[in-house]
Amino acid sequence: MDERTGLLDKEGVRLYRLKEASAILNVSVQTLRKWCNEGKIKCVRLPNGHRRIPVEEVRRILNGGGE
């Protein structure tokens, strides 16, 4: 996982765009949206309504802690 990509929130936590997180997790963007809506993965909503996935959530899924 390349942690040099993504954005940082105000606490310095790395946030991935849905497209970036979906590529890392090998799932579709639609699946990530569904998981966010169902509460299976934590996502952050920006003021413009766009979603971001914290790096910790991507790690959790990669380590078998999710779908």
C-alpha atoms as a PDB file:
ATOM      1  CA  MET A   1       0.000   0.000   0.000  1.00  0.00           C
ATOM      2  CA  ASP A   2       1.481   3.319  -1.049  1.00  0.00           C
ATOM      3  CA  GLU A   3       0.776   5.784   1.738  1.00  0.00           C
ATOM      4  CA  ARG A   4       2.303   8.692  -0.166  1.00  0.00           C
ATOM      5  CA  THR A   5      -0.975   9.117  -2.044  1.00  0.00           C
ATOM      6  CA  GLY A   6      -4.200  10.487  -0.609  1.00  0.00           C
ATOM      7  CA  LEU A   7      -5.008  13.587   1.393  1.00  0.00           C
ATOM      8  CA  LEU A   8      -4.464  14.494   5.035  1.00  0.00           C
ATOM      9  CA  ASP A   9      -7.265  15.601   7.340  1.00  0.00           C
ATOM     10  CA  LYS A  10      -6.772  18.298   9.963  1.00  0.00           C
ATOM     11  CA  GLU A  11      -5.415  15.740  12.477  1.00  0.00           C
ATOM     12  CA  GLY A  12      -2.865  14.481   9.946  1.00  0.00           C
ATOM     13  CA  VAL A  13      -4.717  11.236   9.194  1.00  0.00           C
ATOM     14  CA  ARG A  14      -4.233  10.084   5.620  1.00  0.00           C
ATOM     15  CA  LEU A  15      -7.474   9.888   3.640  1.00  0.00           C
ATOM     16  CA  TYR A  16      -7.892   8.070   0.339  1.00  0.00           C
ATOM     17  CA  ARG A  17     -10.285   9.003  -2.426  1.00  0.00           C
ATOM     18  CA  LEU A  18     -12.775   6.222  -3.164  1.00  0.00           C
ATOM     19  CA  LYS A  19     -10.998   5.455  -6.433  1.00  0.00           C
ATOM     20  CA  GLU A  20      -7.638   5.083  -4.658  1.00  0.00           C
ATOM     21  CA  ALA A  21      -9.063   2.934  -1.858  1.00  0.00           C
ATOM     22  CA  SER A  22     -10.999   0.758  -4.319  1.00  0.00           C
ATOM     23  CA  ALA A  23      -7.808   0.080  -6.295  1.00  0.00           C
ATOM     24  CA  ILE A  24      -5.892  -0.870  -3.139  1.00  0.00           C
ATOM     25  CA  LEU A  25      -8.723  -3.097  -1.897  1.00  0.00           C
ATOM     26  CA  ASN A  26      -9.514  -4.517  -5.334  1.00  0.00           C
ATOM     27  CA  VAL A  27     -13.217  -3.678  -5.103  1.00  0.00           C
ATOM     28  CA  SER A  28     -15.379  -1.279  -7.078  1.00  0.00           C
ATOM     29  CA  VAL A  29     -16.069   2.308  -6.054  1.00  0.00           C
ATOM     30  CA  GLN A  30     -19.748   1.317  -5.863  1.00  0.00           C
ATOM     31  CA  THR A  31     -18.881  -1.404  -3.324  1.00  0.00           C
ATOM     32  CA  LEU A  32     -17.043   1.127  -1.151  1.00  0.00           C
ATOM     33  CA  ARG A  33     -20.036   3.485  -1.295  1.00  0.00           C
ATOM     34  CA  LYS A  34     -22.290   0.601  -0.256  1.00  0.00           C
ATOM     35  CA  TRP A  35     -19.961  -0.364   2.624  1.00  0.00           C
ATOM     36  CA  CYS A  36     -19.923   3.283   3.793  1.00  0.00           C
ATOM     37  CA  ASN A  37     -23.714   3.470   3.686  1.00  0.00           C
ATOM     38  CA  GLU A  38     -24.013   0.182   5.591  1.00  0.00           C
ATOM     39  CA  GLY A  39     -21.412   1.189   8.183  1.00  0.00           C
ATOM     40  CA  LYS A  40     -19.035  -1.635   7.220  1.00  0.00           C
ATOM     41  CA  ILE A  41     -16.217   0.820   6.609  1.00  0.00           C
ATOM     42  CA  LYS A  42     -15.693   4.236   8.155  1.00  0.00           C
ATOM     43  CA  CYS A  43     -15.676   7.100   5.710  1.00  0.00           C
ATOM     44  CA  VAL A  44     -15.254  10.829   6.122  1.00  0.00           C
ATOM     45  CA  ARG A  45     -17.512  13.264   4.310  1.00  0.00           C
ATOM     46  CA  LEU A  46     -15.921  16.466   3.104  1.00  0.00           C
ATOM     47  CA  PRO A  47     -17.887  19.750   3.103  1.00  0.00           C
ATOM     48  CA  ASN A  48     -18.526  19.243  -0.631  1.00  0.00           C
ATOM     49  CA  GLY A  49     -20.117  15.827   0.085  1.00  0.00           C
ATOM     50  CA  HIS A  50     -17.268  13.736  -1.296  1.00  0.00           C
ATOM     51  CA  ARG A  51     -16.208  10.691   0.716  1.00  0.00           C
ATOM     52  CA  ARG A  52     -12.729   9.790   1.858  1.00  0.00           C
ATOM     53  CA  ILE A  53     -11.536   6.557   3.462  1.00  0.00           C
ATOM     54  CA  PRO A  54      -9.027   6.768   6.343  1.00  0.00           C
ATOM     55  CA  VAL A  55      -5.842   4.740   5.833  1.00  0.00           C
ATOM     56  CA  GLU A  56      -6.596   2.800   9.038  1.00  0.00           C
ATOM     57  CA  GLU A  57      -9.817   1.497   7.489  1.00  0.00           C
ATOM     58  CA  VAL A  58      -7.993   0.371   4.351  1.00  0.00           C
ATOM     59  CA  ARG A  59      -5.457  -1.455   6.544  1.00  0.00           C
ATOM     60  CA  ARG A  60      -8.245  -3.069   8.584  1.00  0.00           C
ATOM     61  CA  ILE A  61      -9.914  -4.460   5.464  1.00  0.00           C
ATOM     62  CA  LEU A  62      -6.592  -5.648   4.044  1.00  0.00           C
ATOM     63  CA  ASN A  63      -5.847  -7.454   7.301  1.00  0.00           C
ATOM     64  CA  GLY A  64      -9.110  -9.380   7.136  1.00  0.00           C
ATOM     65  CA  GLY A  65     -11.164  -7.118   9.377  1.00  0.00           C
ATOM     66  CA  GLY A  66     -13.983  -6.632   6.895  1.00  0.00           C
ATOM     67  CA  GLU A  67     -15.669  -7.860   3.763  1.00  0.00           C
END
